[in-house]
Amino acid sequence: MRNQVKIYVYGSCHFSEQLDNDEAVGNGGYGIVITSNGQRVEEISGGFSHTTNARMDIIGITEGLKRIQEPSDIVVYLTNGYVIDTLSKGWLEKWKKNGYKKKKNVDLWIILDSVLQGISHSISFKHSRDIKYKPEFQHAEQLGKTMSGKKNLPNDLGTDNNYTTDLFDATQQATNNETESQVPEDEKPILDSICVDASCIENPGRMEYRGVDIKTGKVIFEMKYEEATNNIGEFLAIVHALALYKRDGKELKIVYSDSLNAISWVKQKKCKTKLEKNKKNMVVFEHIQRAIAWLNNNDYDAKVLKWNTAAWGEIPADYGRK
């Protein structure tokens, strides 16, 4: 007889005065409570900074399903209608066939899809409105909100999306706090600067990056590659901006990026990507080596700072594909 499993998922995201807004970027947390045959068997929680409510729900579902080893009849309860419809109405399968074009949270959907494809459970996804007063769901909500209220959470959006299961480790710590703290939340971005962003629909996959003048909104440079990762793009974009302005003898005070990893790589003069070299990405690896060589052989006065997405909104160079 198959086990009857219920997974209660609550994704939370704090952004200014808004709580649990799907698109708002801020500190987020997820809480999960799992019952099997009516008995509570496990609870899980974790959190990230620079994330969204929807991402916390997707991560929560993924982490919950990974815990179920025996073939079971599973019901997943959550508050997010968008996520429920994606999984219940066949949207995810259609997105996958279309290469996830113009879809948000592609990195997490790919991981969740791989989990779903690798299990033999019977799974249904239901809205929590009918069970919101059950102790298990209320506890999941408490876990999620507690995590979203914590400080020094690891960064989610803007990080390299070569995700492994370690991404969801609730004990993971934030990195490069010194860089992040360079931009207090109550300050405004300096207009006399350039910002960069990269977009990679599938990570790794086709990647492009660009630099934008914050004051004018003008695209100053852009590049495209057949295969790379988002953070490689962010790294190359930062160095591109620094090298371009130095070559042209122009004053560049600030480069903004929303990728803590890329900022850290520039500071360390290293590109710590896990992408393996192949025929499709030979050009990008050649450009990585050029960028590293430039960093080691040139001095620059410009500061490379973290864009404060939570306070300022999306970086102006953003491709709008999250």
C-alpha atoms as a PDB file:
ATOM      1  CA  MET A   1       0.000   0.000   0.000  1.00  0.00           C
ATOM      2  CA  ARG A   2       1.388   3.419  -1.013  1.00  0.00           C
ATOM      3  CA  ASN A   3       2.064   6.044   1.617  1.00  0.00           C
ATOM      4  CA  GLN A   4      -0.319   9.004   1.765  1.00  0.00           C
ATOM      5  CA  VAL A   5       1.963  12.037   1.940  1.00  0.00           C
ATOM      6  CA  LYS A   6       1.064  15.693   2.392  1.00  0.00           C
ATOM      7  CA  ILE A   7       3.606  18.470   1.882  1.00  0.00           C
ATOM      8  CA  TYR A   8       2.723  21.903   3.277  1.00  0.00           C
ATOM      9  CA  VAL A   9       4.785  24.674   1.646  1.00  0.00           C
ATOM     10  CA  TYR A  10       4.910  28.344   2.585  1.00  0.00           C
ATOM     11  CA  GLY A  11       7.068  30.846   0.694  1.00  0.00           C
ATOM     12  CA  SER A  12       7.568  34.274   2.234  1.00  0.00           C
ATOM     13  CA  CYS A  13       9.293  37.422   0.979  1.00  0.00           C
ATOM     14  CA  HIS A  14       9.631  40.716   2.854  1.00  0.00           C
ATOM     15  CA  PHE A  15       9.907  43.878   0.748  1.00  0.00           C
ATOM     16  CA  SER A  16       9.422  47.260   2.420  1.00  0.00           C
ATOM     17  CA  GLU A  17       5.841  47.245   3.752  1.00  0.00           C
ATOM     18  CA  GLN A  18       4.710  44.471   1.402  1.00  0.00           C
ATOM     19  CA  LEU A  19       4.640  40.870   2.523  1.00  0.00           C
ATOM     20  CA  ASP A  20       4.511  37.817   0.289  1.00  0.00           C
ATOM     21  CA  ASN A  21       4.332  39.674  -3.038  1.00  0.00           C
ATOM     22  CA  ASP A  22       5.129  37.396  -6.004  1.00  0.00           C
ATOM     23  CA  GLU A  23       7.330  39.884  -7.856  1.00  0.00           C
ATOM     24  CA  ALA A  24       8.807  41.965  -5.011  1.00  0.00           C
ATOM     25  CA  VAL A  25      12.512  41.366  -4.439  1.00  0.00           C
ATOM     26  CA  GLY A  26      13.710  41.126  -0.865  1.00  0.00           C
ATOM     27  CA  ASN A  27      14.577  38.731   1.953  1.00  0.00           C
ATOM     28  CA  GLY A  28      12.768  35.448   1.453  1.00  0.00           C
ATOM     29  CA  GLY A  29      12.204  32.212   3.306  1.00  0.00           C
ATOM     30  CA  TYR A  30      10.463  28.901   2.784  1.00  0.00           C
ATOM     31  CA  GLY A  31       8.925  26.566   5.325  1.00  0.00           C
ATOM     32  CA  ILE A  32       7.973  22.939   4.697  1.00  0.00           C
ATOM     33  CA  VAL A  33       6.136  20.422   6.846  1.00  0.00           C
ATOM     34  CA  ILE A  34       5.728  16.824   5.621  1.00  0.00           C
ATOM     35  CA  THR A  35       3.275  14.248   6.922  1.00  0.00           C
ATOM     36  CA  SER A  36       3.066  10.581   5.967  1.00  0.00           C
ATOM     37  CA  ASN A  37      -0.093   8.601   6.716  1.00  0.00           C
ATOM     38  CA  GLY A  38      -1.229  11.354   9.072  1.00  0.00           C
ATOM     39  CA  GLN A  39       2.032  11.558  11.054  1.00  0.00           C
ATOM     40  CA  ARG A  40       4.381  14.538  10.888  1.00  0.00           C
ATOM     41  CA  VAL A  41       7.734  13.198   9.683  1.00  0.00           C
ATOM     42  CA  GLU A  42       9.866  16.188   8.747  1.00  0.00           C
ATOM     43  CA  GLU A  43      10.093  19.969   8.668  1.00  0.00           C
ATOM     44  CA  ILE A  44      12.519  22.013   6.581  1.00  0.00           C
ATOM     45  CA  SER A  45      13.264  25.704   6.215  1.00  0.00           C
ATOM     46  CA  GLY A  46      15.717  27.946   4.404  1.00  0.00           C
ATOM     47  CA  GLY A  47      16.062  31.458   3.062  1.00  0.00           C
ATOM     48  CA  PHE A  48      17.789  33.840   0.686  1.00  0.00           C
ATOM     49  CA  SER A  49      18.254  37.543   0.153  1.00  0.00           C
ATOM     50  CA  HIS A  50      17.407  39.209  -3.197  1.00  0.00           C
ATOM     51  CA  THR A  51      14.711  36.693  -3.989  1.00  0.00           C
ATOM     52  CA  THR A  52      10.951  36.608  -4.581  1.00  0.00           C
ATOM     53  CA  ASN A  53       7.935  34.893  -3.089  1.00  0.00           C
ATOM     54  CA  ALA A  54       7.458  32.721  -6.178  1.00  0.00           C
ATOM     55  CA  ARG A  55      11.048  31.485  -6.014  1.00  0.00           C
ATOM     56  CA  MET A  56      10.618  30.541  -2.374  1.00  0.00           C
ATOM     57  CA  ASP A  57       7.526  28.494  -3.249  1.00  0.00           C
ATOM     58  CA  ILE A  58       9.292  26.676  -6.093  1.00  0.00           C
ATOM     59  CA  ILE A  59      12.299  25.907  -3.914  1.00  0.00           C
ATOM     60  CA  GLY A  60       9.989  24.737  -1.125  1.00  0.00           C
ATOM     61  CA  ILE A  61       8.200  22.284  -3.425  1.00  0.00           C
ATOM     62  CA  THR A  62      11.505  20.978  -4.782  1.00  0.00           C
ATOM     63  CA  GLU A  63      12.994  20.465  -1.344  1.00  0.00           C
ATOM     64  CA  GLY A  64       9.847  18.751  -0.081  1.00  0.00           C
ATOM     65  CA  LEU A  65       9.633  16.316  -2.982  1.00  0.00           C
ATOM     66  CA  LYS A  66      13.305  15.412  -2.669  1.00  0.00           C
ATOM     67  CA  ARG A  67      12.603  14.040   0.816  1.00  0.00           C
ATOM     68  CA  ILE A  68      10.042  11.454  -0.371  1.00  0.00           C
ATOM     69  CA  GLN A  69      11.921   8.274  -1.264  1.00  0.00           C
ATOM     70  CA  GLU A  70       9.177   5.597  -1.363  1.00  0.00           C
ATOM     71  CA  PRO A  71       6.552   5.699  -4.143  1.00  0.00           C
ATOM     72  CA  SER A  72       3.660   7.642  -2.590  1.00  0.00           C
ATOM     73  CA  ASP A  73       0.426   9.469  -3.262  1.00  0.00           C
ATOM     74  CA  ILE A  74       1.415  13.082  -2.597  1.00  0.00           C
ATOM     75  CA  VAL A  75      -0.621  16.242  -2.165  1.00  0.00           C
ATOM     76  CA  VAL A  76       1.325  19.524  -2.085  1.00  0.00           C
ATOM     77  CA  TYR A  77      -0.444  22.500  -0.485  1.00  0.00           C
ATOM     78  CA  LEU A  78       0.685  26.089  -1.076  1.00  0.00           C
ATOM     79  CA  THR A  79      -0.716  29.619  -1.413  1.00  0.00           C
ATOM     80  CA  ASN A  80       0.691  30.485  -4.845  1.00  0.00           C
ATOM     81  CA  GLY A  81      -1.931  30.100  -7.576  1.00  0.00           C
ATOM     82  CA  TYR A  82       0.584  30.867 -10.342  1.00  0.00           C
ATOM     83  CA  VAL A  83       2.844  28.014  -9.251  1.00  0.00           C
ATOM     84  CA  ILE A  84      -0.114  25.654  -8.794  1.00  0.00           C
ATOM     85  CA  ASP A  85      -1.422  26.384 -12.294  1.00  0.00           C
ATOM     86  CA  THR A  86       2.044  25.964 -13.803  1.00  0.00           C
ATOM     87  CA  LEU A  87       2.305  22.468 -12.357  1.00  0.00           C
ATOM     88  CA  SER A  88      -1.346  21.410 -12.665  1.00  0.00           C
ATOM     89  CA  LYS A  89      -2.314  22.716 -16.106  1.00  0.00           C
ATOM     90  CA  GLY A  90       0.646  21.485 -18.137  1.00  0.00           C
ATOM     91  CA  TRP A  91       2.260  24.912 -18.462  1.00  0.00           C
ATOM     92  CA  LEU A  92       5.669  23.673 -17.335  1.00  0.00           C
ATOM     93  CA  GLU A  93       5.768  21.006 -20.038  1.00  0.00           C
ATOM     94  CA  LYS A  94       4.855  23.583 -22.708  1.00  0.00           C
ATOM     95  CA  TRP A  95       7.496  26.002 -21.432  1.00  0.00           C
ATOM     96  CA  LYS A  96      10.108  23.264 -21.558  1.00  0.00           C
ATOM     97  CA  LYS A  97       9.253  22.419 -25.178  1.00  0.00           C
ATOM     98  CA  ASN A  98       9.547  26.110 -26.092  1.00  0.00           C
ATOM     99  CA  GLY A  99      12.906  26.473 -24.340  1.00  0.00           C
ATOM    100  CA  TYR A 100      11.367  28.519 -21.496  1.00  0.00           C
ATOM    101  CA  LYS A 101      11.293  31.588 -23.737  1.00  0.00           C
ATOM    102  CA  LYS A 102      10.398  34.805 -21.883  1.00  0.00           C
ATOM    103  CA  LYS A 103       9.655  32.906 -18.657  1.00  0.00           C
ATOM    104  CA  LYS A 104      10.773  33.838 -15.172  1.00  0.00           C
ATOM    105  CA  ASN A 105      12.566  31.606 -12.678  1.00  0.00           C
ATOM    106  CA  VAL A 106      13.784  29.274 -15.425  1.00  0.00           C
ATOM    107  CA  ASP A 107      16.695  28.034 -13.313  1.00  0.00           C
ATOM    108  CA  LEU A 108      14.343  26.768 -10.595  1.00  0.00           C
ATOM    109  CA  TRP A 109      11.733  25.358 -12.981  1.00  0.00           C
ATOM    110  CA  ILE A 110      14.437  23.259 -14.650  1.00  0.00           C
ATOM    111  CA  ILE A 111      15.517  21.823 -11.307  1.00  0.00           C
ATOM    112  CA  LEU A 112      11.949  21.110 -10.195  1.00  0.00           C
ATOM    113  CA  ASP A 113      11.172  19.479 -13.542  1.00  0.00           C
ATOM    114  CA  SER A 114      14.196  17.184 -13.187  1.00  0.00           C
ATOM    115  CA  VAL A 115      12.945  16.145  -9.732  1.00  0.00           C
ATOM    116  CA  LEU A 116       9.452  15.494 -11.078  1.00  0.00           C
ATOM    117  CA  GLN A 117      10.794  13.425 -13.963  1.00  0.00           C
ATOM    118  CA  GLY A 118      12.897  11.256 -11.657  1.00  0.00           C
ATOM    119  CA  ILE A 119      10.158  10.063  -9.296  1.00  0.00           C
ATOM    120  CA  SER A 120       7.267   7.607  -9.527  1.00  0.00           C
ATOM    121  CA  HIS A 121       4.852   9.343  -7.166  1.00  0.00           C
ATOM    122  CA  SER A 122       1.300  10.378  -7.845  1.00  0.00           C
ATOM    123  CA  ILE A 123       1.354  14.144  -7.204  1.00  0.00           C
ATOM    124  CA  SER A 124      -1.348  16.808  -7.049  1.00  0.00           C
ATOM    125  CA  PHE A 125      -0.975  20.480  -6.202  1.00  0.00           C
ATOM    126  CA  LYS A 126      -3.719  22.255  -4.255  1.00  0.00           C
ATOM    127  CA  HIS A 127      -4.321  25.732  -2.902  1.00  0.00           C
ATOM    128  CA  SER A 128      -3.956  26.050   0.861  1.00  0.00           C
ATOM    129  CA  ARG A 129      -7.149  28.087   1.327  1.00  0.00           C
ATOM    130  CA  ASP A 130      -9.019  25.017   2.531  1.00  0.00           C
ATOM    131  CA  ILE A 131      -6.381  23.895   5.031  1.00  0.00           C
ATOM    132  CA  LYS A 132      -4.816  27.199   6.111  1.00  0.00           C
ATOM    133  CA  TYR A 133      -5.809  26.650   9.753  1.00  0.00           C
ATOM    134  CA  LYS A 134      -4.304  23.175   9.980  1.00  0.00           C
ATOM    135  CA  PRO A 135      -1.403  23.122  12.489  1.00  0.00           C
ATOM    136  CA  GLU A 136       0.968  21.698   9.857  1.00  0.00           C
ATOM    137  CA  PHE A 137       0.346  24.518   7.407  1.00  0.00           C
ATOM    138  CA  GLN A 138       0.491  27.174  10.103  1.00  0.00           C
ATOM    139  CA  HIS A 139       3.825  25.772  11.241  1.00  0.00           C
ATOM    140  CA  ALA A 140       5.150  25.851   7.667  1.00  0.00           C
ATOM    141  CA  GLU A 141       4.037  29.494   7.479  1.00  0.00           C
ATOM    142  CA  GLN A 142       5.848  30.286  10.719  1.00  0.00           C
ATOM    143  CA  LEU A 143       9.025  28.614   9.456  1.00  0.00           C
ATOM    144  CA  GLY A 144       8.952  30.560   6.187  1.00  0.00           C
ATOM    145  CA  LYS A 145       8.297  33.933   7.786  1.00  0.00           C
ATOM    146  CA  THR A 146      10.972  33.353  10.425  1.00  0.00           C
ATOM    147  CA  MET A 147      13.574  32.615   7.749  1.00  0.00           C
ATOM    148  CA  SER A 148      12.594  35.647   5.638  1.00  0.00           C
ATOM    149  CA  GLY A 149      13.166  37.852   8.692  1.00  0.00           C
ATOM    150  CA  LYS A 150      16.761  36.729   9.192  1.00  0.00           C
ATOM    151  CA  LYS A 151      19.819  38.797   8.285  1.00  0.00           C
ATOM    152  CA  ASN A 152      22.897  37.783   6.257  1.00  0.00           C
ATOM    153  CA  LEU A 153      21.022  35.278   4.115  1.00  0.00           C
ATOM    154  CA  PRO A 154      22.819  33.941   1.017  1.00  0.00           C
ATOM    155  CA  ASN A 155      22.108  35.802  -2.213  1.00  0.00           C
ATOM    156  CA  ASP A 156      19.652  34.261  -4.678  1.00  0.00           C
ATOM    157  CA  LEU A 157      18.927  36.469  -7.693  1.00  0.00           C
ATOM    158  CA  GLY A 158      21.992  37.434  -9.713  1.00  0.00           C
ATOM    159  CA  THR A 159      24.059  34.443  -8.605  1.00  0.00           C
ATOM    160  CA  ASP A 160      25.509  31.842 -10.942  1.00  0.00           C
ATOM    161  CA  ASN A 161      22.662  29.529 -11.844  1.00  0.00           C
ATOM    162  CA  ASN A 162      24.632  26.307 -12.214  1.00  0.00           C
ATOM    163  CA  TYR A 163      22.535  25.098  -9.300  1.00  0.00           C
ATOM    164  CA  THR A 164      23.148  21.924  -7.360  1.00  0.00           C
ATOM    165  CA  THR A 165      21.144  20.544  -4.470  1.00  0.00           C
ATOM    166  CA  ASP A 166      23.484  22.434  -2.142  1.00  0.00           C
ATOM    167  CA  LEU A 167      21.767  25.623  -3.256  1.00  0.00           C
ATOM    168  CA  PHE A 168      18.863  24.822  -0.947  1.00  0.00           C
ATOM    169  CA  ASP A 169      20.989  24.062   2.101  1.00  0.00           C
ATOM    170  CA  ALA A 170      19.390  26.051   4.895  1.00  0.00           C
ATOM    171  CA  THR A 171      22.768  26.368   6.637  1.00  0.00           C
ATOM    172  CA  GLN A 172      24.413  28.087   3.651  1.00  0.00           C
ATOM    173  CA  GLN A 173      25.930  31.427   4.621  1.00  0.00           C
ATOM    174  CA  ALA A 174      26.084  34.708   2.724  1.00  0.00           C
ATOM    175  CA  THR A 175      29.359  35.562   0.987  1.00  0.00           C
ATOM    176  CA  ASN A 176      31.097  38.842   0.261  1.00  0.00           C
ATOM    177  CA  ASN A 177      29.135  40.790   2.881  1.00  0.00           C
ATOM    178  CA  GLU A 178      31.713  43.558   2.703  1.00  0.00           C
ATOM    179  CA  THR A 179      30.854  44.240  -0.930  1.00  0.00           C
ATOM    180  CA  GLU A 180      27.106  44.148  -0.277  1.00  0.00           C
ATOM    181  CA  SER A 181      27.357  46.581   2.618  1.00  0.00           C
ATOM    182  CA  GLN A 182      29.078  49.186   0.459  1.00  0.00           C
ATOM    183  CA  VAL A 183      25.659  50.445  -0.640  1.00  0.00           C
ATOM    184  CA  PRO A 184      23.394  51.324   2.329  1.00  0.00           C
ATOM    185  CA  GLU A 185      19.696  50.862   1.625  1.00  0.00           C
ATOM    186  CA  ASP A 186      18.801  54.498   2.282  1.00  0.00           C
ATOM    187  CA  GLU A 187      21.185  55.830  -0.390  1.00  0.00           C
ATOM    188  CA  LYS A 188      20.256  56.416  -4.008  1.00  0.00           C
ATOM    189  CA  PRO A 189      22.256  55.153  -6.991  1.00  0.00           C
ATOM    190  CA  ILE A 190      24.855  57.530  -8.372  1.00  0.00           C
ATOM    191  CA  LEU A 191      23.671  58.617 -11.820  1.00  0.00           C
ATOM    192  CA  ASP A 192      27.145  59.347 -13.143  1.00  0.00           C
ATOM    193  CA  SER A 193      27.848  55.646 -13.570  1.00  0.00           C
ATOM    194  CA  ILE A 194      27.318  52.594 -15.720  1.00  0.00           C
ATOM    195  CA  CYS A 195      25.398  49.441 -14.875  1.00  0.00           C
ATOM    196  CA  VAL A 196      25.738  45.973 -16.369  1.00  0.00           C
ATOM    197  CA  ASP A 197      23.579  42.907 -16.618  1.00  0.00           C
ATOM    198  CA  ALA A 198      23.665  39.498 -18.263  1.00  0.00           C
ATOM    199  CA  SER A 199      20.908  37.188 -19.438  1.00  0.00           C
ATOM    200  CA  CYS A 200      21.093  33.442 -19.920  1.00  0.00           C
ATOM    201  CA  ILE A 201      17.769  31.729 -20.660  1.00  0.00           C
ATOM    202  CA  GLU A 202      19.121  28.293 -19.820  1.00  0.00           C
ATOM    203  CA  ASN A 203      22.166  28.180 -17.578  1.00  0.00           C
ATOM    204  CA  PRO A 204      24.425  27.249 -19.265  1.00  0.00           C
ATOM    205  CA  GLY A 205      23.036  28.406 -22.589  1.00  0.00           C
ATOM    206  CA  ARG A 206      23.003  31.335 -24.978  1.00  0.00           C
ATOM    207  CA  MET A 207      24.185  34.342 -23.036  1.00  0.00           C
ATOM    208  CA  GLU A 208      24.287  38.057 -23.668  1.00  0.00           C
ATOM    209  CA  TYR A 209      25.425  40.998 -21.594  1.00  0.00           C
ATOM    210  CA  ARG A 210      25.296  44.750 -21.892  1.00  0.00           C
ATOM    211  CA  GLY A 211      26.340  47.983 -20.249  1.00  0.00           C
ATOM    212  CA  VAL A 212      23.923  50.892 -19.826  1.00  0.00           C
ATOM    213  CA  ASP A 213      24.553  54.521 -18.902  1.00  0.00           C
ATOM    214  CA  ILE A 214      22.353  55.064 -15.839  1.00  0.00           C
ATOM    215  CA  LYS A 215      21.817  58.783 -16.473  1.00  0.00           C
ATOM    216  CA  THR A 216      20.792  58.497 -20.140  1.00  0.00           C
ATOM    217  CA  GLY A 217      19.613  54.879 -20.364  1.00  0.00           C
ATOM    218  CA  LYS A 218      21.780  54.422 -23.456  1.00  0.00           C
ATOM    219  CA  VAL A 219      23.230  50.986 -24.195  1.00  0.00           C
ATOM    220  CA  ILE A 220      26.980  51.530 -24.381  1.00  0.00           C
ATOM    221  CA  PHE A 221      28.081  48.016 -25.293  1.00  0.00           C
ATOM    222  CA  GLU A 222      26.685  44.507 -25.651  1.00  0.00           C
ATOM    223  CA  MET A 223      27.995  41.047 -26.431  1.00  0.00           C
ATOM    224  CA  LYS A 224      26.453  37.645 -27.227  1.00  0.00           C
ATOM    225  CA  TYR A 225      27.826  34.111 -26.837  1.00  0.00           C
ATOM    226  CA  GLU A 226      26.591  30.709 -27.945  1.00  0.00           C
ATOM    227  CA  GLU A 227      27.153  29.112 -24.524  1.00  0.00           C
ATOM    228  CA  ALA A 228      28.020  30.550 -21.114  1.00  0.00           C
ATOM    229  CA  THR A 229      26.450  31.222 -17.714  1.00  0.00           C
ATOM    230  CA  ASN A 230      24.813  34.285 -16.241  1.00  0.00           C
ATOM    231  CA  ASN A 231      27.673  35.010 -13.862  1.00  0.00           C
ATOM    232  CA  ILE A 232      30.287  34.696 -16.582  1.00  0.00           C
ATOM    233  CA  GLY A 233      28.311  37.353 -18.430  1.00  0.00           C
ATOM    234  CA  GLU A 234      28.191  39.615 -15.368  1.00  0.00           C
ATOM    235  CA  PHE A 235      31.939  39.172 -14.829  1.00  0.00           C
ATOM    236  CA  LEU A 236      32.837  39.927 -18.454  1.00  0.00           C
ATOM    237  CA  ALA A 237      30.460  42.897 -18.513  1.00  0.00           C
ATOM    238  CA  ILE A 238      32.116  44.517 -15.495  1.00  0.00           C
ATOM    239  CA  VAL A 239      35.606  44.083 -16.970  1.00  0.00           C
ATOM    240  CA  HIS A 240      34.331  45.263 -20.374  1.00  0.00           C
ATOM    241  CA  ALA A 241      33.126  48.501 -18.776  1.00  0.00           C
ATOM    242  CA  LEU A 242      36.375  49.070 -16.899  1.00  0.00           C
ATOM    243  CA  ALA A 243      38.543  48.324 -19.961  1.00  0.00           C
ATOM    244  CA  LEU A 244      36.419  50.369 -22.369  1.00  0.00           C
ATOM    245  CA  TYR A 245      36.572  53.530 -20.321  1.00  0.00           C
ATOM    246  CA  LYS A 246      40.277  53.164 -19.569  1.00  0.00           C
ATOM    247  CA  ARG A 247      41.053  52.625 -23.260  1.00  0.00           C
ATOM    248  CA  ASP A 248      39.073  55.709 -24.266  1.00  0.00           C
ATOM    249  CA  GLY A 249      40.586  57.807 -21.492  1.00  0.00           C
ATOM    250  CA  LYS A 250      37.190  58.609 -19.982  1.00  0.00           C
ATOM    251  CA  GLU A 251      36.455  58.958 -16.283  1.00  0.00           C
ATOM    252  CA  LEU A 252      34.359  56.134 -14.883  1.00  0.00           C
ATOM    253  CA  LYS A 253      33.461  56.457 -11.216  1.00  0.00           C
ATOM    254  CA  ILE A 254      31.153  53.515 -10.586  1.00  0.00           C
ATOM    255  CA  VAL A 255      30.134  50.226 -12.188  1.00  0.00           C
ATOM    256  CA  TYR A 256      26.971  48.674 -10.747  1.00  0.00           C
ATOM    257  CA  SER A 257      26.184  44.970 -10.977  1.00  0.00           C
ATOM    258  CA  ASP A 258      23.494  42.927  -9.229  1.00  0.00           C
ATOM    259  CA  SER A 259      25.760  39.862  -9.078  1.00  0.00           C
ATOM    260  CA  LEU A 260      27.736  39.467  -5.859  1.00  0.00           C
ATOM    261  CA  ASN A 261      29.611  36.522  -7.355  1.00  0.00           C
ATOM    262  CA  ALA A 262      30.782  38.521 -10.374  1.00  0.00           C
ATOM    263  CA  ILE A 263      31.836  41.456  -8.188  1.00  0.00           C
ATOM    264  CA  SER A 264      33.795  39.040  -6.013  1.00  0.00           C
ATOM    265  CA  TRP A 265      35.449  37.462  -9.061  1.00  0.00           C
ATOM    266  CA  VAL A 266      36.551  40.877 -10.332  1.00  0.00           C
ATOM    267  CA  LYS A 267      37.950  41.728  -6.914  1.00  0.00           C
ATOM    268  CA  GLN A 268      39.852  38.420  -6.792  1.00  0.00           C
ATOM    269  CA  LYS A 269      40.865  38.690 -10.481  1.00  0.00           C
ATOM    270  CA  LYS A 270      39.513  35.187 -11.042  1.00  0.00           C
ATOM    271  CA  CYS A 271      36.532  33.648 -12.819  1.00  0.00           C
ATOM    272  CA  LYS A 272      35.444  30.727 -10.636  1.00  0.00           C
ATOM    273  CA  THR A 273      32.921  29.261 -13.034  1.00  0.00           C
ATOM    274  CA  LYS A 274      32.045  25.552 -12.981  1.00  0.00           C
ATOM    275  CA  LEU A 275      31.275  25.580 -16.704  1.00  0.00           C
ATOM    276  CA  GLU A 276      33.312  22.990 -18.571  1.00  0.00           C
ATOM    277  CA  LYS A 277      35.140  24.055 -21.698  1.00  0.00           C
ATOM    278  CA  ASN A 278      33.899  22.656 -25.018  1.00  0.00           C
ATOM    279  CA  LYS A 279      33.697  23.573 -28.704  1.00  0.00           C
ATOM    280  CA  LYS A 280      30.600  25.729 -28.205  1.00  0.00           C
ATOM    281  CA  ASN A 281      32.121  27.967 -25.534  1.00  0.00           C
ATOM    282  CA  MET A 282      35.749  28.264 -26.663  1.00  0.00           C
ATOM    283  CA  VAL A 283      35.266  31.949 -27.469  1.00  0.00           C
ATOM    284  CA  VAL A 284      33.852  32.800 -24.060  1.00  0.00           C
ATOM    285  CA  PHE A 285      36.764  31.040 -22.320  1.00  0.00           C
ATOM    286  CA  GLU A 286      39.195  32.994 -24.499  1.00  0.00           C
ATOM    287  CA  HIS A 287      37.485  36.220 -23.435  1.00  0.00           C
ATOM    288  CA  ILE A 288      37.575  35.136 -19.789  1.00  0.00           C
ATOM    289  CA  GLN A 289      41.355  34.734 -20.018  1.00  0.00           C
ATOM    290  CA  ARG A 290      41.654  38.146 -21.662  1.00  0.00           C
ATOM    291  CA  ALA A 291      39.558  39.698 -18.892  1.00  0.00           C
ATOM    292  CA  ILE A 292      41.671  38.090 -16.170  1.00  0.00           C
ATOM    293  CA  ALA A 293      44.857  39.247 -17.895  1.00  0.00           C
ATOM    294  CA  TRP A 294      43.471  42.786 -18.135  1.00  0.00           C
ATOM    295  CA  LEU A 295      42.623  42.839 -14.420  1.00  0.00           C
ATOM    296  CA  ASN A 296      46.125  41.646 -13.529  1.00  0.00           C
ATOM    297  CA  ASN A 297      47.863  44.189 -15.755  1.00  0.00           C
ATOM    298  CA  ASN A 298      45.779  47.321 -15.231  1.00  0.00           C
ATOM    299  CA  ASP A 299      44.893  49.664 -12.401  1.00  0.00           C
ATOM    300  CA  TYR A 300      41.551  51.475 -12.336  1.00  0.00           C
ATOM    301  CA  ASP A 301      39.930  54.081 -10.115  1.00  0.00           C
ATOM    302  CA  ALA A 302      36.305  53.092 -10.666  1.00  0.00           C
ATOM    303  CA  LYS A 303      34.439  51.342  -7.855  1.00  0.00           C
ATOM    304  CA  VAL A 304      32.487  48.175  -8.591  1.00  0.00           C
ATOM    305  CA  LEU A 305      29.381  48.180  -6.385  1.00  0.00           C
ATOM    306  CA  LYS A 306      26.369  45.985  -5.741  1.00  0.00           C
ATOM    307  CA  TRP A 307      23.109  47.351  -7.173  1.00  0.00           C
ATOM    308  CA  ASN A 308      20.559  47.553  -4.357  1.00  0.00           C
ATOM    309  CA  THR A 309      17.636  45.826  -6.071  1.00  0.00           C
ATOM    310  CA  ALA A 310      15.469  45.745  -2.944  1.00  0.00           C
ATOM    311  CA  ALA A 311      15.621  49.531  -2.544  1.00  0.00           C
ATOM    312  CA  TRP A 312      16.001  50.725  -6.156  1.00  0.00           C
ATOM    313  CA  GLY A 313      14.170  48.155  -8.258  1.00  0.00           C
ATOM    314  CA  GLU A 314      15.678  46.179 -11.133  1.00  0.00           C
ATOM    315  CA  ILE A 315      19.023  47.354 -12.457  1.00  0.00           C
ATOM    316  CA  PRO A 316      18.518  49.538 -15.592  1.00  0.00           C
ATOM    317  CA  ALA A 317      20.547  47.106 -17.720  1.00  0.00           C
ATOM    318  CA  ASP A 318      18.161  44.270 -16.777  1.00  0.00           C
ATOM    319  CA  TYR A 319      16.776  42.167 -19.641  1.00  0.00           C
ATOM    320  CA  GLY A 320      13.459  41.600 -17.857  1.00  0.00           C
ATOM    321  CA  ARG A 321      13.606  37.817 -18.156  1.00  0.00           C
ATOM    322  CA  LYS A 322      13.697  36.668 -14.539  1.00  0.00           C
END
